[in-house]
Structures are given as C-alpha cells and as structure tokens.
Amino acid sequence: MFRLNRLTDYAVVVMSQLGPPDGALQSAQRIARSTGVPLPTVAKVLNTLTREGIVDSHRGAAGGYALTRPAAEISVAEIVQALEGPIALTACVDTAPGCCEAEGICPMRGAWNKVNRAIHDALTQVSLAEMIEDSVPSLSGSDDDHATVTAGQAG
C-alpha cells in the first residue's frame, strides 16, 4: 500500500493552523493544544517546514510561525517533498544511479517514471487551502470550539 508517513499527515494538520505571511503568528504550544498533536512533534514539523522555506519562524515573546505564502499557493506535493523527499514509488525512479542492483538489466527501468509523474502532478493540483476547506471546522478558535469538535468526533 502506498501511504504517506504520519509526520507528513501532521504537517498538513499543523499548517492548517497557520495564517498567511501577514497574519497572526501561532506558537508551537498553541498549535499542539489546538490540534492534539504532541508538542515535540509539532516542533519537529515546524523546524522541517521552516528549513524548507514553507513556514517562517519569528523569535521573541511575540514570535511564532506563519506560512511564507498564502495556503492556496502551497501544494500538497511541496509538503510531501519537504517531509519525505522526492515523490517516488520505487527506488529506481528516484533518479539516483546505483540505487538498485538490477538497474542495468531491469525490464521495467524507466517505466515507473510515468506513474511517479502522475502522482506528483496529482499532488501538485491540490493546495493546502483546498485541504483546509475540505476538513472539519478549524480547531484554532476558542476552547469551546475545540470541545464541540472533539465531542462531535467522539461518536
């Protein structure tokens, strides 16, 4: 089964709590509290996304995190690549020579590239904004909102 790792899933959840570049900053603690994702995991995700240039980090008492671009301009492919590296179903489409011992004689050599491109293109077509729109109501509001959403999901 083709599956994204849990950290990538958490990255989308964390990013859904962040505002645009000119919006309010969110602290890692608040994101962890709002989403239920453990603080060390939120911190790890934010560090990776900051290093990859998708999230901006602002230090200081009033510091926090924000997206570097509007959510509509950030693709799911970009998020996946930031957390997992190149989108590739098999090592042979990773474009790194010598990644497979059968590389020189493999009858499927290069054939997986078409599938890899299709998946990459599909993930590029979906923006973070679309993921947020299609999700449950935002958990970044008040504690009452959080309790309502949590209680609604419990059943």
Protein backbone atom coordinates (compact mmCIF):
# COMPACT_ATOMS: atom_id res chain seq x y z
CA MET A 1 0.00 0.00 0.00
CA PHE A 2 1.22 3.47 -0.87
CA ARG A 3 0.97 5.60 2.26
CA LEU A 4 2.40 8.92 3.44
CA ASN A 5 4.14 8.80 6.78
CA ARG A 6 2.47 10.15 9.91
CA LEU A 7 4.79 13.17 10.11
CA THR A 8 3.60 14.32 6.67
CA ASP A 9 -0.01 13.99 7.78
CA TYR A 10 0.80 16.01 10.89
CA ALA A 11 2.47 18.66 8.72
CA VAL A 12 -0.80 19.32 6.91
CA VAL A 13 -2.64 19.48 10.25
CA VAL A 14 -0.05 21.89 11.70
CA MET A 15 -0.03 24.06 8.57
CA SER A 16 -3.83 24.30 8.65
CA GLN A 17 -3.43 26.28 11.89
CA LEU A 18 -1.01 28.82 10.41
CA GLY A 19 -2.08 32.10 8.91
CA PRO A 20 -0.80 33.89 5.83
CA PRO A 21 2.56 35.72 5.84
CA ASP A 22 0.95 38.96 7.04
CA GLY A 23 -1.41 37.28 9.52
CA ALA A 24 -1.21 36.49 13.21
CA LEU A 25 1.65 34.28 14.34
CA GLN A 26 0.91 30.96 16.04
CA SER A 27 3.11 29.41 18.71
CA ALA A 28 4.04 25.75 18.65
CA GLN A 29 2.34 25.36 22.04
CA ARG A 30 -0.94 26.76 20.77
CA ILE A 31 -0.84 24.58 17.67
CA ALA A 32 -0.18 21.50 19.81
CA ARG A 33 -3.04 22.41 22.15
CA SER A 34 -5.45 23.14 19.27
CA THR A 35 -4.69 20.04 17.24
CA GLY A 36 -3.86 17.41 19.82
CA VAL A 37 -0.53 16.74 18.08
CA PRO A 38 2.20 16.35 20.74
CA LEU A 39 4.38 19.46 21.19
CA PRO A 40 7.67 17.69 20.30
CA THR A 41 6.09 16.51 17.04
CA VAL A 42 4.73 19.99 16.25
CA ALA A 43 8.20 21.45 16.91
CA LYS A 44 9.86 18.86 14.65
CA VAL A 45 7.37 19.51 11.83
CA LEU A 46 7.72 23.30 12.14
CA ASN A 47 11.53 23.06 12.10
CA THR A 48 11.44 20.98 8.92
CA LEU A 49 8.91 23.25 7.20
CA THR A 50 10.91 26.34 8.21
CA ARG A 51 14.13 24.82 6.86
CA GLU A 52 12.33 24.01 3.59
CA GLY A 53 11.04 27.60 3.27
CA ILE A 54 7.33 26.83 3.56
CA VAL A 55 6.93 28.30 7.06
CA ASP A 56 8.50 31.42 8.59
CA SER A 57 9.70 31.43 12.18
CA HIS A 58 9.71 34.63 14.24
CA ARG A 59 11.61 34.66 17.55
CA GLY A 60 10.80 36.58 20.69
CA ALA A 61 7.97 36.98 23.16
CA ALA A 62 5.51 37.84 20.39
CA GLY A 63 7.05 35.33 18.00
CA GLY A 64 5.59 32.29 16.37
CA TYR A 65 5.05 30.76 12.97
CA ALA A 66 3.26 31.73 9.76
CA LEU A 67 3.10 30.44 6.21
CA THR A 68 5.58 32.01 3.78
CA ARG A 69 2.86 32.20 1.11
CA PRO A 70 -0.93 32.01 1.05
CA ALA A 71 -2.24 28.46 1.58
CA ALA A 72 -3.65 28.48 -1.96
CA GLU A 73 -0.08 28.75 -3.32
CA ILE A 74 1.31 25.78 -1.34
CA SER A 75 0.73 22.39 -2.94
CA VAL A 76 0.39 19.08 -1.19
CA ALA A 77 3.33 17.89 -3.34
CA GLU A 78 5.50 20.61 -1.79
CA ILE A 79 4.54 19.50 1.71
CA VAL A 80 5.18 15.82 0.93
CA GLN A 81 8.58 16.60 -0.58
CA ALA A 82 9.53 18.77 2.41
CA LEU A 83 8.89 15.92 4.84
CA GLU A 84 9.66 12.82 2.77
CA GLY A 85 11.96 13.89 -0.04
CA PRO A 86 11.32 13.23 -3.74
CA ILE A 87 7.98 11.64 -4.59
CA ALA A 88 8.95 8.19 -5.83
CA LEU A 89 7.15 4.86 -5.51
CA THR A 90 10.27 2.78 -6.04
CA ALA A 91 13.96 3.44 -5.59
CA CYS A 92 14.57 3.17 -9.33
CA VAL A 93 12.55 6.30 -10.08
CA ASP A 94 14.49 8.24 -7.51
CA THR A 95 16.82 9.21 -10.39
CA ALA A 96 19.85 8.29 -8.29
CA PRO A 97 22.09 5.90 -10.23
CA GLY A 98 23.15 2.77 -8.42
CA CYS A 99 20.08 2.61 -6.18
CA CYS A 100 19.16 -0.88 -7.37
CA GLU A 101 21.36 -3.91 -8.00
CA ALA A 102 19.26 -4.90 -11.05
CA GLU A 103 19.30 -1.42 -12.58
CA GLY A 104 21.34 -2.37 -15.64
CA ILE A 105 19.17 -5.33 -16.68
CA CYS A 106 15.73 -4.37 -15.35
CA PRO A 107 12.98 -4.61 -17.98
CA MET A 108 10.93 -2.00 -16.09
CA ARG A 109 13.76 0.53 -15.98
CA GLY A 110 12.21 3.94 -16.55
CA ALA A 111 8.65 2.58 -16.78
CA TRP A 112 7.78 3.71 -13.25
CA ASN A 113 8.63 7.32 -14.16
CA LYS A 114 5.20 7.73 -15.79
CA VAL A 115 3.43 6.64 -12.60
CA ASN A 116 5.71 8.81 -10.49
CA ARG A 117 4.96 11.87 -12.64
CA ALA A 118 1.20 11.20 -12.47
CA ILE A 119 1.26 11.05 -8.67
CA HIS A 120 3.43 14.15 -8.45
CA ASP A 121 1.12 16.02 -10.83
CA ALA A 122 -1.97 14.96 -8.86
CA LEU A 123 -0.44 16.14 -5.57
CA THR A 124 0.61 19.42 -7.22
CA GLN A 125 -3.00 20.05 -8.24
CA VAL A 126 -4.22 20.10 -4.61
CA SER A 127 -3.38 23.12 -2.47
CA LEU A 128 -3.15 23.43 1.29
CA ALA A 129 -6.14 25.81 1.08
CA GLU A 130 -8.23 23.06 -0.55
CA MET A 131 -7.20 20.59 2.15
CA ILE A 132 -8.29 23.08 4.82
CA GLU A 133 -11.60 23.79 3.06
CA ASP A 134 -12.39 20.08 2.86
CA SER A 135 -11.57 19.41 6.52
CA VAL A 136 -13.58 19.65 9.72
CA PRO A 137 -14.01 23.15 11.21
CA SER A 138 -10.77 24.80 12.28
CA LEU A 139 -9.55 23.95 15.75
CA SER A 140 -7.70 27.25 16.08
CA GLY A 141 -10.66 29.02 17.64
CA SER A 142 -11.69 29.15 21.27
CA ASP A 143 -11.61 26.25 23.69
CA ASP A 144 -15.42 25.99 23.30
CA ASP A 145 -14.98 25.35 19.57
CA HIS A 146 -12.39 22.66 20.36
CA ALA A 147 -14.70 20.94 22.82
CA THR A 148 -17.57 20.96 20.29
CA VAL A 149 -15.47 19.45 17.50
CA THR A 150 -13.89 16.88 19.83
CA ALA A 151 -17.27 15.87 21.25
CA GLY A 152 -18.73 15.61 17.75
CA GLN A 153 -15.93 13.30 16.64
CA ALA A 154 -16.19 11.07 19.69
CA GLY A 155 -19.37 9.32 18.50
